[in-house]
Amino acid sequence: MNAQTEQAPGYDELSSADFATLEVWDPAQVVITPRMAARLWLQTSLRLTRAQKELHDAIFAHDGSDESLDRFASARAELDSAEAWALHVARNIPRHR
């Protein structure tokens, strides 16, 4: 590991398990570093973008079949979840510019 890596670790330092833990975190008990905050904002943005695209695709691929209805319901649920997570992040993590 070089000095630059030790000083400025990449965005890959948080795993999906970390995000699962953070979904139920108590802001009073977890210290969020500026790097971690930036990572969470990035992940939130990417998750919302993916969920919106999946819902858009499901809407336009709807053909009345049970599979397309299931795809739409799944995409809608994921977008709801992504929006809830975005609100959680916005309420609890300051955005530094």
C-alpha atoms as a PDB file:
ATOM      1  CA  MET A   1       0.000   0.000   0.000  1.00  0.00           C
ATOM      2  CA  ASN A   2       1.507   3.362  -0.955  1.00  0.00           C
ATOM      3  CA  ALA A   3       1.356   6.606   1.020  1.00  0.00           C
ATOM      4  CA  GLN A   4      -1.259   8.094  -1.298  1.00  0.00           C
ATOM      5  CA  THR A   5      -3.573   5.120  -0.767  1.00  0.00           C
ATOM      6  CA  GLU A   6      -3.166   5.321   2.986  1.00  0.00           C
ATOM      7  CA  GLN A   7      -3.966   9.033   3.012  1.00  0.00           C
ATOM      8  CA  ALA A   8      -6.813   8.973   0.532  1.00  0.00           C
ATOM      9  CA  PRO A   9      -8.502   5.571   0.352  1.00  0.00           C
ATOM     10  CA  GLY A  10     -10.728   5.001  -2.660  1.00  0.00           C
ATOM     11  CA  TYR A  11     -14.496   4.901  -2.760  1.00  0.00           C
ATOM     12  CA  ASP A  12     -14.421   1.111  -2.662  1.00  0.00           C
ATOM     13  CA  GLU A  13     -13.758   1.065   1.078  1.00  0.00           C
ATOM     14  CA  LEU A  14     -17.450   0.544   1.948  1.00  0.00           C
ATOM     15  CA  SER A  15     -19.031  -2.807   1.152  1.00  0.00           C
ATOM     16  CA  SER A  16     -22.695  -3.639   0.657  1.00  0.00           C
ATOM     17  CA  ALA A  17     -22.671  -5.017   4.207  1.00  0.00           C
ATOM     18  CA  ASP A  18     -21.547  -1.580   5.402  1.00  0.00           C
ATOM     19  CA  PHE A  19     -24.481   0.011   3.607  1.00  0.00           C
ATOM     20  CA  ALA A  20     -26.902  -2.524   5.085  1.00  0.00           C
ATOM     21  CA  THR A  21     -25.584  -1.644   8.545  1.00  0.00           C
ATOM     22  CA  LEU A  22     -25.859   2.062   7.820  1.00  0.00           C
ATOM     23  CA  GLU A  23     -29.501   1.732   6.806  1.00  0.00           C
ATOM     24  CA  VAL A  24     -30.395   1.154  10.441  1.00  0.00           C
ATOM     25  CA  TRP A  25     -27.724   3.338  11.997  1.00  0.00           C
ATOM     26  CA  ASP A  26     -28.365   5.792  14.791  1.00  0.00           C
ATOM     27  CA  PRO A  27     -26.682   9.055  13.699  1.00  0.00           C
ATOM     28  CA  ALA A  28     -25.779   9.766  17.318  1.00  0.00           C
ATOM     29  CA  GLN A  29     -23.717   6.564  17.468  1.00  0.00           C
ATOM     30  CA  VAL A  30     -21.840   6.612  14.152  1.00  0.00           C
ATOM     31  CA  VAL A  31     -19.189   9.115  13.138  1.00  0.00           C
ATOM     32  CA  ILE A  32     -19.494   9.905   9.441  1.00  0.00           C
ATOM     33  CA  THR A  33     -16.250  11.142   7.917  1.00  0.00           C
ATOM     34  CA  PRO A  34     -16.324  13.557   4.955  1.00  0.00           C
ATOM     35  CA  ARG A  35     -15.072  10.744   2.677  1.00  0.00           C
ATOM     36  CA  MET A  36     -17.771   8.382   3.923  1.00  0.00           C
ATOM     37  CA  ALA A  37     -20.410  11.105   3.456  1.00  0.00           C
ATOM     38  CA  ALA A  38     -19.263  11.684  -0.130  1.00  0.00           C
ATOM     39  CA  ARG A  39     -19.422   7.940  -0.781  1.00  0.00           C
ATOM     40  CA  LEU A  40     -22.927   7.702   0.652  1.00  0.00           C
ATOM     41  CA  TRP A  41     -24.132  10.622  -1.449  1.00  0.00           C
ATOM     42  CA  LEU A  42     -22.621   9.050  -4.567  1.00  0.00           C
ATOM     43  CA  GLN A  43     -24.149   5.652  -3.837  1.00  0.00           C
ATOM     44  CA  THR A  44     -27.514   7.289  -3.122  1.00  0.00           C
ATOM     45  CA  SER A  45     -27.444   9.121  -6.431  1.00  0.00           C
ATOM     46  CA  LEU A  46     -26.455   5.989  -8.361  1.00  0.00           C
ATOM     47  CA  ARG A  47     -29.110   3.887  -6.631  1.00  0.00           C
ATOM     48  CA  LEU A  48     -31.835   6.430  -7.449  1.00  0.00           C
ATOM     49  CA  THR A  49     -30.704   6.656 -11.064  1.00  0.00           C
ATOM     50  CA  ARG A  50     -30.715   2.862 -11.466  1.00  0.00           C
ATOM     51  CA  ALA A  51     -34.123   2.530  -9.808  1.00  0.00           C
ATOM     52  CA  GLN A  52     -35.624   5.240 -12.009  1.00  0.00           C
ATOM     53  CA  LYS A  53     -34.232   3.564 -15.133  1.00  0.00           C
ATOM     54  CA  GLU A  54     -35.568   0.161 -14.060  1.00  0.00           C
ATOM     55  CA  LEU A  55     -39.029   1.622 -13.477  1.00  0.00           C
ATOM     56  CA  HIS A  56     -38.937   3.453 -16.814  1.00  0.00           C
ATOM     57  CA  ASP A  57     -37.922   0.250 -18.590  1.00  0.00           C
ATOM     58  CA  ALA A  58     -40.646  -1.725 -16.790  1.00  0.00           C
ATOM     59  CA  ILE A  59     -43.301   0.804 -17.770  1.00  0.00           C
ATOM     60  CA  PHE A  60     -42.392   0.732 -21.450  1.00  0.00           C
ATOM     61  CA  ALA A  61     -41.935  -3.049 -21.535  1.00  0.00           C
ATOM     62  CA  HIS A  62     -45.362  -3.635 -19.986  1.00  0.00           C
ATOM     63  CA  ASP A  63     -47.324  -6.038 -22.166  1.00  0.00           C
ATOM     64  CA  GLY A  64     -50.026  -7.126 -19.720  1.00  0.00           C
ATOM     65  CA  SER A  65     -48.332 -10.388 -18.774  1.00  0.00           C
ATOM     66  CA  ASP A  66     -47.830 -11.473 -15.185  1.00  0.00           C
ATOM     67  CA  GLU A  67     -44.067 -11.232 -15.683  1.00  0.00           C
ATOM     68  CA  SER A  68     -44.258  -7.609 -16.785  1.00  0.00           C
ATOM     69  CA  LEU A  69     -46.546  -6.761 -13.872  1.00  0.00           C
ATOM     70  CA  ASP A  70     -44.088  -8.415 -11.493  1.00  0.00           C
ATOM     71  CA  ARG A  71     -41.219  -6.488 -13.072  1.00  0.00           C
ATOM     72  CA  PHE A  72     -43.157  -3.232 -12.678  1.00  0.00           C
ATOM     73  CA  ALA A  73     -44.011  -3.976  -9.032  1.00  0.00           C
ATOM     74  CA  SER A  74     -40.406  -4.880  -8.270  1.00  0.00           C
ATOM     75  CA  ALA A  75     -39.089  -1.738  -9.970  1.00  0.00           C
ATOM     76  CA  ARG A  76     -41.625   0.438  -8.160  1.00  0.00           C
ATOM     77  CA  ALA A  77     -40.652  -1.124  -4.806  1.00  0.00           C
ATOM     78  CA  GLU A  78     -36.952  -0.561  -5.497  1.00  0.00           C
ATOM     79  CA  LEU A  79     -37.586   3.070  -6.396  1.00  0.00           C
ATOM     80  CA  ASP A  80     -39.600   3.527  -3.187  1.00  0.00           C
ATOM     81  CA  SER A  81     -36.725   2.005  -1.216  1.00  0.00           C
ATOM     82  CA  ALA A  82     -34.138   4.164  -2.985  1.00  0.00           C
ATOM     83  CA  GLU A  83     -36.197   7.293  -2.302  1.00  0.00           C
ATOM     84  CA  ALA A  84     -36.556   6.375   1.383  1.00  0.00           C
ATOM     85  CA  TRP A  85     -32.797   5.823   1.620  1.00  0.00           C
ATOM     86  CA  ALA A  86     -32.144   9.172  -0.102  1.00  0.00           C
ATOM     87  CA  LEU A  87     -34.348  10.927   2.448  1.00  0.00           C
ATOM     88  CA  HIS A  88     -32.512   9.138   5.254  1.00  0.00           C
ATOM     89  CA  VAL A  89     -29.149  10.264   3.889  1.00  0.00           C
ATOM     90  CA  ALA A  90     -30.366  13.831   3.273  1.00  0.00           C
ATOM     91  CA  ARG A  91     -31.706  14.168   6.808  1.00  0.00           C
ATOM     92  CA  ASN A  92     -28.656  12.742   8.536  1.00  0.00           C
ATOM     93  CA  ILE A  93     -25.558  13.477   6.473  1.00  0.00           C
ATOM     94  CA  PRO A  94     -24.449  17.000   5.654  1.00  0.00           C
ATOM     95  CA  ARG A  95     -23.494  17.567   2.056  1.00  0.00           C
ATOM     96  CA  HIS A  96     -20.154  19.295   1.717  1.00  0.00           C
ATOM     97  CA  ARG A  97     -19.407  21.095  -1.506  1.00  0.00           C
END
